[in-house]
Amino acid sequence: MAIRRRALEELGDFDEATFGRGYGEENDFCMRARGFGWRNVLCDDAYVVHQGGASFAATGEAPGGVALERLSARYPHYQRLVAEFIAADPLRPLREAVVAAHCPPRRLRPGSRAEAACRRKRGASRGGRRAALGLTLRRFPRSPR
């Protein structure tokens, strides 16, 4: 996630007091930015993979849970926005291109590590929970309400 210094100066840091470290604070920051007239922009030439909780597994932290409850309480429309984004699936063509490039249609030995990795990637390309996102913030004038 790339954040403009002006956005940090205007909005302040991530709210670790409410969300802790690792889950929810970046979503809260993006929602706050949106409320202040900033826009979250996708960087479609970056690919980020989360490897099964590698960042926080040792701490015992897990996604969702309390952080998601706090996000939903602070932003009652948050879940709807996420559902709309998932339904629209604007990243599908990009995700499918990545899968095609890294999982060529060849015969893989069933049960092999390569076959399992491609199965996971193909599942992600069909709307699975994995996401390829890079975010940056740009300031845009507020729309008339």
N, C-alpha and C. Protein backbone atom coordinates (compact mmCIF):
# COMPACT_ATOMS: atom_id res chain seq x y z
N MET A 1 0.85 -1.17 0.00
CA MET A 1 0.00 0.00 0.00
C MET A 1 0.90 1.23 0.00
N ALA A 2 0.72 2.07 -0.98
CA ALA A 2 1.46 3.32 -1.07
C ALA A 2 0.52 4.45 -0.65
N ILE A 3 1.02 5.33 0.18
CA ILE A 3 0.19 6.43 0.68
C ILE A 3 0.95 7.74 0.48
N ARG A 4 0.29 8.70 -0.08
CA ARG A 4 0.91 10.02 -0.25
C ARG A 4 1.14 10.66 1.12
N ARG A 5 2.26 11.34 1.24
CA ARG A 5 2.58 12.03 2.50
C ARG A 5 1.48 13.01 2.88
N ARG A 6 0.92 13.73 1.88
CA ARG A 6 -0.16 14.67 2.18
C ARG A 6 -1.35 13.97 2.81
N ALA A 7 -1.63 12.75 2.36
CA ALA A 7 -2.75 12.00 2.95
C ALA A 7 -2.45 11.66 4.40
N LEU A 8 -1.24 11.20 4.68
CA LEU A 8 -0.86 10.89 6.06
C LEU A 8 -0.92 12.14 6.94
N GLU A 9 -0.44 13.25 6.41
CA GLU A 9 -0.47 14.49 7.18
C GLU A 9 -1.91 14.93 7.47
N GLU A 10 -2.79 14.75 6.51
CA GLU A 10 -4.19 15.16 6.68
C GLU A 10 -4.98 14.18 7.55
N LEU A 11 -4.75 12.88 7.36
CA LEU A 11 -5.57 11.86 8.03
C LEU A 11 -4.96 11.30 9.30
N GLY A 12 -3.66 11.41 9.43
CA GLY A 12 -2.97 10.79 10.56
C GLY A 12 -2.62 9.34 10.22
N ASP A 13 -2.00 8.69 11.18
CA ASP A 13 -1.52 7.32 10.99
C ASP A 13 -2.65 6.30 11.02
N PHE A 14 -2.28 5.05 10.83
CA PHE A 14 -3.22 3.94 11.00
C PHE A 14 -3.68 3.93 12.45
N ASP A 15 -4.91 3.50 12.67
CA ASP A 15 -5.50 3.46 14.01
C ASP A 15 -5.19 2.11 14.66
N GLU A 16 -3.95 1.95 15.10
CA GLU A 16 -3.55 0.69 15.74
C GLU A 16 -4.22 0.51 17.11
N ALA A 17 -4.60 1.60 17.75
CA ALA A 17 -5.25 1.48 19.05
C ALA A 17 -6.58 0.74 18.93
N THR A 18 -7.29 0.97 17.85
CA THR A 18 -8.59 0.32 17.64
C THR A 18 -8.44 -1.03 16.96
N PHE A 19 -7.55 -1.12 15.97
CA PHE A 19 -7.49 -2.31 15.13
C PHE A 19 -6.29 -3.21 15.37
N GLY A 20 -5.34 -2.76 16.17
CA GLY A 20 -4.16 -3.58 16.37
C GLY A 20 -3.25 -3.47 15.16
N ARG A 21 -2.37 -4.44 15.02
CA ARG A 21 -1.40 -4.41 13.94
C ARG A 21 -1.67 -5.57 12.98
N GLY A 22 -1.98 -5.26 11.74
CA GLY A 22 -2.05 -6.31 10.74
C GLY A 22 -3.42 -6.60 10.15
N TYR A 23 -4.48 -6.28 10.83
CA TYR A 23 -5.81 -6.58 10.27
C TYR A 23 -6.78 -5.46 10.58
N GLY A 24 -7.23 -4.78 9.53
CA GLY A 24 -8.28 -3.79 9.69
C GLY A 24 -7.82 -2.35 9.65
N GLU A 25 -6.59 -2.07 10.12
CA GLU A 25 -6.17 -0.68 10.19
C GLU A 25 -6.00 -0.06 8.81
N GLU A 26 -5.57 -0.85 7.81
CA GLU A 26 -5.44 -0.30 6.47
C GLU A 26 -6.80 -0.07 5.82
N ASN A 27 -7.78 -0.93 6.12
CA ASN A 27 -9.14 -0.74 5.61
C ASN A 27 -9.75 0.53 6.22
N ASP A 28 -9.53 0.71 7.51
CA ASP A 28 -10.03 1.91 8.19
C ASP A 28 -9.39 3.15 7.57
N PHE A 29 -8.08 3.10 7.32
CA PHE A 29 -7.40 4.25 6.73
C PHE A 29 -8.01 4.58 5.37
N CYS A 30 -8.25 3.58 4.55
CA CYS A 30 -8.85 3.80 3.22
C CYS A 30 -10.25 4.39 3.34
N MET A 31 -11.02 3.92 4.30
CA MET A 31 -12.38 4.45 4.48
C MET A 31 -12.31 5.90 4.99
N ARG A 32 -11.38 6.19 5.90
CA ARG A 32 -11.22 7.58 6.36
C ARG A 32 -10.80 8.47 5.19
N ALA A 33 -9.87 7.98 4.38
CA ALA A 33 -9.40 8.76 3.24
C ALA A 33 -10.56 9.07 2.30
N ARG A 34 -11.38 8.08 2.06
CA ARG A 34 -12.56 8.25 1.20
C ARG A 34 -13.47 9.35 1.76
N GLY A 35 -13.66 9.33 3.06
CA GLY A 35 -14.50 10.33 3.72
C GLY A 35 -13.93 11.74 3.65
N PHE A 36 -12.61 11.86 3.47
CA PHE A 36 -11.96 13.17 3.37
C PHE A 36 -11.73 13.60 1.93
N GLY A 37 -12.35 12.88 0.98
CA GLY A 37 -12.24 13.28 -0.43
C GLY A 37 -11.09 12.66 -1.18
N TRP A 38 -10.34 11.77 -0.54
CA TRP A 38 -9.28 11.05 -1.24
C TRP A 38 -9.92 9.85 -1.94
N ARG A 39 -9.22 9.32 -2.92
CA ARG A 39 -9.73 8.16 -3.64
C ARG A 39 -8.69 7.05 -3.59
N ASN A 40 -9.12 5.83 -3.30
CA ASN A 40 -8.25 4.66 -3.32
C ASN A 40 -8.14 4.20 -4.76
N VAL A 41 -6.92 4.05 -5.23
CA VAL A 41 -6.66 3.73 -6.63
C VAL A 41 -5.89 2.42 -6.71
N LEU A 42 -6.33 1.56 -7.60
CA LEU A 42 -5.68 0.27 -7.80
C LEU A 42 -4.45 0.43 -8.68
N CYS A 43 -3.38 -0.17 -8.30
CA CYS A 43 -2.17 -0.22 -9.12
C CYS A 43 -2.21 -1.57 -9.83
N ASP A 44 -2.60 -1.57 -11.10
CA ASP A 44 -2.84 -2.85 -11.78
C ASP A 44 -1.60 -3.48 -12.38
N ASP A 45 -0.42 -2.92 -12.11
CA ASP A 45 0.79 -3.59 -12.58
C ASP A 45 1.64 -4.12 -11.43
N ALA A 46 1.01 -4.27 -10.28
CA ALA A 46 1.66 -4.89 -9.12
C ALA A 46 0.86 -6.11 -8.72
N TYR A 47 1.54 -7.14 -8.29
CA TYR A 47 0.86 -8.36 -7.87
C TYR A 47 1.34 -8.70 -6.47
N VAL A 48 0.41 -8.80 -5.55
CA VAL A 48 0.74 -9.09 -4.16
C VAL A 48 0.04 -10.38 -3.76
N VAL A 49 0.78 -11.28 -3.17
CA VAL A 49 0.23 -12.56 -2.73
C VAL A 49 0.41 -12.66 -1.22
N HIS A 50 -0.64 -13.07 -0.54
CA HIS A 50 -0.53 -13.35 0.89
C HIS A 50 -0.36 -14.86 1.04
N GLN A 51 0.72 -15.26 1.63
CA GLN A 51 1.03 -16.67 1.77
C GLN A 51 0.47 -17.22 3.08
N GLY A 52 -0.80 -17.51 3.10
CA GLY A 52 -1.42 -18.22 4.22
C GLY A 52 -1.09 -17.73 5.61
N GLY A 53 -1.14 -16.44 5.86
CA GLY A 53 -0.92 -15.91 7.20
C GLY A 53 0.54 -15.86 7.60
N ALA A 54 1.46 -15.89 6.65
CA ALA A 54 2.89 -15.89 6.97
C ALA A 54 3.30 -14.67 7.78
N SER A 55 2.65 -13.53 7.55
CA SER A 55 3.04 -12.31 8.24
C SER A 55 2.71 -12.32 9.73
N PHE A 56 1.58 -12.92 10.10
CA PHE A 56 1.12 -12.79 11.49
C PHE A 56 0.79 -14.11 12.17
N ALA A 57 1.01 -15.22 11.50
CA ALA A 57 0.66 -16.52 12.10
C ALA A 57 1.33 -16.73 13.45
N ALA A 58 2.59 -16.34 13.57
CA ALA A 58 3.33 -16.55 14.82
C ALA A 58 2.78 -15.73 15.98
N THR A 59 2.05 -14.63 15.66
CA THR A 59 1.52 -13.76 16.72
C THR A 59 0.17 -14.25 17.23
N GLY A 60 -0.45 -15.18 16.48
CA GLY A 60 -1.78 -15.66 16.86
C GLY A 60 -2.90 -14.78 16.34
N GLU A 61 -2.55 -13.70 15.61
CA GLU A 61 -3.57 -12.83 15.06
C GLU A 61 -4.18 -13.49 13.83
N ALA A 62 -5.44 -13.21 13.58
CA ALA A 62 -6.13 -13.77 12.42
C ALA A 62 -7.00 -12.69 11.79
N PRO A 63 -7.23 -12.79 10.47
CA PRO A 63 -8.07 -11.79 9.81
C PRO A 63 -9.52 -11.88 10.27
N GLY A 64 -10.24 -10.78 10.07
CA GLY A 64 -11.66 -10.79 10.44
C GLY A 64 -11.83 -10.58 11.93
N GLY A 65 -12.74 -11.32 12.52
CA GLY A 65 -12.97 -11.27 13.95
C GLY A 65 -13.27 -9.89 14.46
N VAL A 66 -12.57 -9.50 15.52
CA VAL A 66 -12.82 -8.24 16.21
C VAL A 66 -12.58 -7.05 15.27
N ALA A 67 -11.53 -7.11 14.46
CA ALA A 67 -11.23 -5.99 13.56
C ALA A 67 -12.38 -5.77 12.58
N LEU A 68 -12.93 -6.84 12.03
CA LEU A 68 -14.05 -6.71 11.09
C LEU A 68 -15.29 -6.16 11.80
N GLU A 69 -15.52 -6.60 13.02
CA GLU A 69 -16.65 -6.06 13.80
C GLU A 69 -16.48 -4.55 14.01
N ARG A 70 -15.26 -4.14 14.33
CA ARG A 70 -14.99 -2.71 14.56
C ARG A 70 -15.13 -1.90 13.28
N LEU A 71 -14.65 -2.46 12.15
CA LEU A 71 -14.83 -1.78 10.86
C LEU A 71 -16.30 -1.60 10.54
N SER A 72 -17.08 -2.66 10.73
CA SER A 72 -18.51 -2.63 10.42
C SER A 72 -19.25 -1.66 11.34
N ALA A 73 -18.81 -1.55 12.58
CA ALA A 73 -19.44 -0.60 13.51
C ALA A 73 -19.11 0.84 13.11
N ARG A 74 -17.88 1.07 12.71
CA ARG A 74 -17.45 2.41 12.33
C ARG A 74 -17.99 2.82 10.97
N TYR A 75 -18.10 1.86 10.06
CA TYR A 75 -18.57 2.11 8.69
C TYR A 75 -19.66 1.10 8.36
N PRO A 76 -20.90 1.38 8.73
CA PRO A 76 -21.99 0.41 8.52
C PRO A 76 -22.15 -0.05 7.07
N HIS A 77 -21.70 0.74 6.12
CA HIS A 77 -21.83 0.39 4.70
C HIS A 77 -20.60 -0.36 4.17
N TYR A 78 -19.62 -0.62 5.02
CA TYR A 78 -18.37 -1.25 4.59
C TYR A 78 -18.60 -2.61 3.92
N GLN A 79 -19.36 -3.48 4.56
CA GLN A 79 -19.60 -4.83 4.01
C GLN A 79 -20.30 -4.75 2.65
N ARG A 80 -21.21 -3.81 2.51
CA ARG A 80 -21.91 -3.64 1.23
C ARG A 80 -20.93 -3.21 0.15
N LEU A 81 -20.04 -2.26 0.46
CA LEU A 81 -19.04 -1.81 -0.51
C LEU A 81 -18.14 -2.96 -0.96
N VAL A 82 -17.72 -3.77 0.00
CA VAL A 82 -16.86 -4.92 -0.33
C VAL A 82 -17.63 -5.91 -1.21
N ALA A 83 -18.87 -6.19 -0.85
CA ALA A 83 -19.69 -7.13 -1.64
C ALA A 83 -19.89 -6.61 -3.06
N GLU A 84 -20.11 -5.32 -3.21
CA GLU A 84 -20.30 -4.73 -4.55
C GLU A 84 -19.02 -4.84 -5.37
N PHE A 85 -17.88 -4.60 -4.73
CA PHE A 85 -16.60 -4.71 -5.43
C PHE A 85 -16.36 -6.16 -5.88
N ILE A 86 -16.62 -7.10 -5.01
CA ILE A 86 -16.43 -8.51 -5.35
C ILE A 86 -17.37 -8.92 -6.48
N ALA A 87 -18.63 -8.47 -6.41
CA ALA A 87 -19.60 -8.82 -7.45
C ALA A 87 -19.21 -8.22 -8.80
N ALA A 88 -18.73 -6.99 -8.81
CA ALA A 88 -18.31 -6.33 -10.06
C ALA A 88 -17.03 -6.98 -10.60
N ASP A 89 -16.18 -7.45 -9.71
CA ASP A 89 -14.93 -8.15 -10.04
C ASP A 89 -14.12 -7.46 -11.14
N PRO A 90 -13.77 -6.17 -10.93
CA PRO A 90 -13.02 -5.46 -11.96
C PRO A 90 -11.62 -6.01 -12.20
N LEU A 91 -11.11 -6.81 -11.28
CA LEU A 91 -9.76 -7.36 -11.44
C LEU A 91 -9.73 -8.70 -12.17
N ARG A 92 -10.88 -9.22 -12.52
CA ARG A 92 -10.91 -10.56 -13.12
C ARG A 92 -10.01 -10.70 -14.34
N PRO A 93 -10.07 -9.79 -15.33
CA PRO A 93 -9.19 -9.96 -16.50
C PRO A 93 -7.70 -9.98 -16.12
N LEU A 94 -7.32 -9.13 -15.19
CA LEU A 94 -5.91 -9.09 -14.76
C LEU A 94 -5.53 -10.38 -14.04
N ARG A 95 -6.42 -10.83 -13.15
CA ARG A 95 -6.16 -12.05 -12.38
C ARG A 95 -6.05 -13.25 -13.32
N GLU A 96 -6.94 -13.32 -14.31
CA GLU A 96 -6.92 -14.43 -15.25
C GLU A 96 -5.65 -14.40 -16.10
N ALA A 97 -5.16 -13.20 -16.42
CA ALA A 97 -3.91 -13.10 -17.19
C ALA A 97 -2.73 -13.62 -16.38
N VAL A 98 -2.71 -13.30 -15.08
CA VAL A 98 -1.64 -13.80 -14.21
C VAL A 98 -1.70 -15.32 -14.12
N VAL A 99 -2.89 -15.86 -13.94
CA VAL A 99 -3.05 -17.31 -13.86
C VAL A 99 -2.61 -17.96 -15.16
N ALA A 100 -3.02 -17.39 -16.29
CA ALA A 100 -2.64 -17.96 -17.58
C ALA A 100 -1.13 -17.95 -17.77
N ALA A 101 -0.48 -16.89 -17.31
CA ALA A 101 0.97 -16.78 -17.46
C ALA A 101 1.72 -17.74 -16.55
N HIS A 102 1.17 -18.02 -15.38
CA HIS A 102 1.88 -18.85 -14.40
C HIS A 102 1.36 -20.27 -14.30
N CYS A 103 0.27 -20.56 -14.93
CA CYS A 103 -0.29 -21.91 -14.93
C CYS A 103 -0.65 -22.28 -16.36
N PRO A 104 0.35 -22.53 -17.19
CA PRO A 104 0.04 -22.88 -18.58
C PRO A 104 -0.78 -24.16 -18.64
N PRO A 105 -1.64 -24.27 -19.65
CA PRO A 105 -2.47 -25.47 -19.76
C PRO A 105 -1.62 -26.68 -20.17
N ARG A 106 -1.04 -27.31 -19.21
CA ARG A 106 -0.24 -28.52 -19.46
C ARG A 106 -0.66 -29.57 -18.45
N ARG A 107 -0.35 -30.73 -18.71
CA ARG A 107 -0.72 -31.82 -17.81
C ARG A 107 0.24 -31.85 -16.62
N LEU A 108 -0.31 -31.66 -15.44
CA LEU A 108 0.48 -31.71 -14.22
C LEU A 108 0.13 -32.99 -13.47
N ARG A 109 1.10 -33.55 -12.82
CA ARG A 109 0.87 -34.77 -12.06
C ARG A 109 -0.11 -34.49 -10.92
N PRO A 110 -1.26 -35.19 -10.87
CA PRO A 110 -2.23 -34.97 -9.80
C PRO A 110 -1.56 -35.14 -8.43
N GLY A 111 -1.83 -34.19 -7.56
CA GLY A 111 -1.29 -34.25 -6.20
C GLY A 111 0.08 -33.61 -6.06
N SER A 112 0.70 -33.20 -7.18
CA SER A 112 2.01 -32.56 -7.11
C SER A 112 1.87 -31.15 -6.55
N ARG A 113 2.97 -30.59 -6.09
CA ARG A 113 2.95 -29.22 -5.58
C ARG A 113 2.56 -28.24 -6.68
N ALA A 114 3.07 -28.45 -7.89
CA ALA A 114 2.74 -27.57 -9.02
C ALA A 114 1.26 -27.61 -9.33
N GLU A 115 0.69 -28.82 -9.31
CA GLU A 115 -0.75 -28.96 -9.60
C GLU A 115 -1.57 -28.26 -8.52
N ALA A 116 -1.17 -28.41 -7.27
CA ALA A 116 -1.90 -27.77 -6.17
C ALA A 116 -1.80 -26.24 -6.27
N ALA A 117 -0.62 -25.72 -6.60
CA ALA A 117 -0.44 -24.28 -6.72
C ALA A 117 -1.31 -23.72 -7.85
N CYS A 118 -1.35 -24.41 -8.98
CA CYS A 118 -2.16 -23.93 -10.10
C CYS A 118 -3.65 -24.04 -9.78
N ARG A 119 -4.03 -25.07 -9.06
CA ARG A 119 -5.44 -25.20 -8.67
C ARG A 119 -5.83 -24.02 -7.78
N ARG A 120 -4.96 -23.64 -6.84
CA ARG A 120 -5.24 -22.49 -5.98
C ARG A 120 -5.34 -21.21 -6.79
N LYS A 121 -4.40 -21.02 -7.73
CA LYS A 121 -4.42 -19.82 -8.56
C LYS A 121 -5.67 -19.77 -9.43
N ARG A 122 -6.04 -20.90 -9.99
CA ARG A 122 -7.24 -20.92 -10.83
C ARG A 122 -8.49 -20.65 -9.99
N GLY A 123 -8.52 -21.17 -8.78
CA GLY A 123 -9.65 -20.89 -7.88
C GLY A 123 -9.74 -19.41 -7.59
N ALA A 124 -8.58 -18.76 -7.39
CA ALA A 124 -8.56 -17.33 -7.13
C ALA A 124 -9.05 -16.56 -8.34
N SER A 125 -8.78 -17.07 -9.55
CA SER A 125 -9.20 -16.34 -10.74
C SER A 125 -10.70 -16.44 -10.97
N ARG A 126 -11.34 -17.34 -10.28
CA ARG A 126 -12.80 -17.46 -10.42
C ARG A 126 -13.51 -16.83 -9.22
N GLY A 127 -12.93 -15.81 -8.67
CA GLY A 127 -13.61 -15.08 -7.60
C GLY A 127 -13.31 -15.63 -6.22
N GLY A 128 -12.21 -16.37 -6.08
CA GLY A 128 -11.83 -16.87 -4.76
C GLY A 128 -11.47 -15.72 -3.85
N ARG A 129 -11.04 -16.02 -2.63
CA ARG A 129 -10.79 -14.98 -1.65
C ARG A 129 -9.45 -14.29 -1.84
N ARG A 130 -8.54 -14.90 -2.59
CA ARG A 130 -7.26 -14.25 -2.82
C ARG A 130 -7.48 -13.00 -3.68
N ALA A 131 -6.66 -12.01 -3.47
CA ALA A 131 -6.81 -10.78 -4.25
C ALA A 131 -5.44 -10.29 -4.68
N ALA A 132 -5.40 -9.64 -5.80
CA ALA A 132 -4.18 -8.99 -6.28
C ALA A 132 -4.45 -7.49 -6.21
N LEU A 133 -3.89 -6.84 -5.21
CA LEU A 133 -4.16 -5.42 -5.03
C LEU A 133 -2.90 -4.66 -4.70
N GLY A 134 -2.80 -3.48 -5.20
CA GLY A 134 -1.82 -2.51 -4.78
C GLY A 134 -2.60 -1.22 -4.68
N LEU A 135 -2.52 -0.52 -3.59
CA LEU A 135 -3.33 0.68 -3.42
C LEU A 135 -2.45 1.91 -3.30
N THR A 136 -2.90 2.98 -3.87
CA THR A 136 -2.28 4.28 -3.68
C THR A 136 -3.41 5.29 -3.55
N LEU A 137 -3.12 6.42 -2.99
CA LEU A 137 -4.16 7.43 -2.77
C LEU A 137 -3.88 8.66 -3.62
N ARG A 138 -4.92 9.17 -4.23
CA ARG A 138 -4.85 10.41 -4.98
C ARG A 138 -5.98 11.32 -4.52
N ARG A 139 -5.71 12.59 -4.46
CA ARG A 139 -6.70 13.56 -4.00
C ARG A 139 -7.54 14.00 -5.18
N PHE A 140 -8.86 13.92 -5.06
CA PHE A 140 -9.78 14.38 -6.07
C PHE A 140 -10.79 15.30 -5.41
N PRO A 141 -11.30 16.29 -6.15
CA PRO A 141 -12.32 17.15 -5.55
C PRO A 141 -13.56 16.34 -5.20
N ARG A 142 -14.21 16.75 -4.14
CA ARG A 142 -15.44 16.05 -3.74
C ARG A 142 -16.51 16.23 -4.80
N SER A 143 -17.31 15.18 -5.00
CA SER A 143 -18.43 15.26 -5.91
C SER A 143 -19.54 16.06 -5.26
N PRO A 144 -20.30 16.81 -6.06
CA PRO A 144 -21.44 17.50 -5.46
C PRO A 144 -22.45 16.48 -4.94
N ARG A 145 -23.00 16.73 -3.80
CA ARG A 145 -23.95 15.77 -3.21
C ARG A 145 -25.35 16.15 -3.53
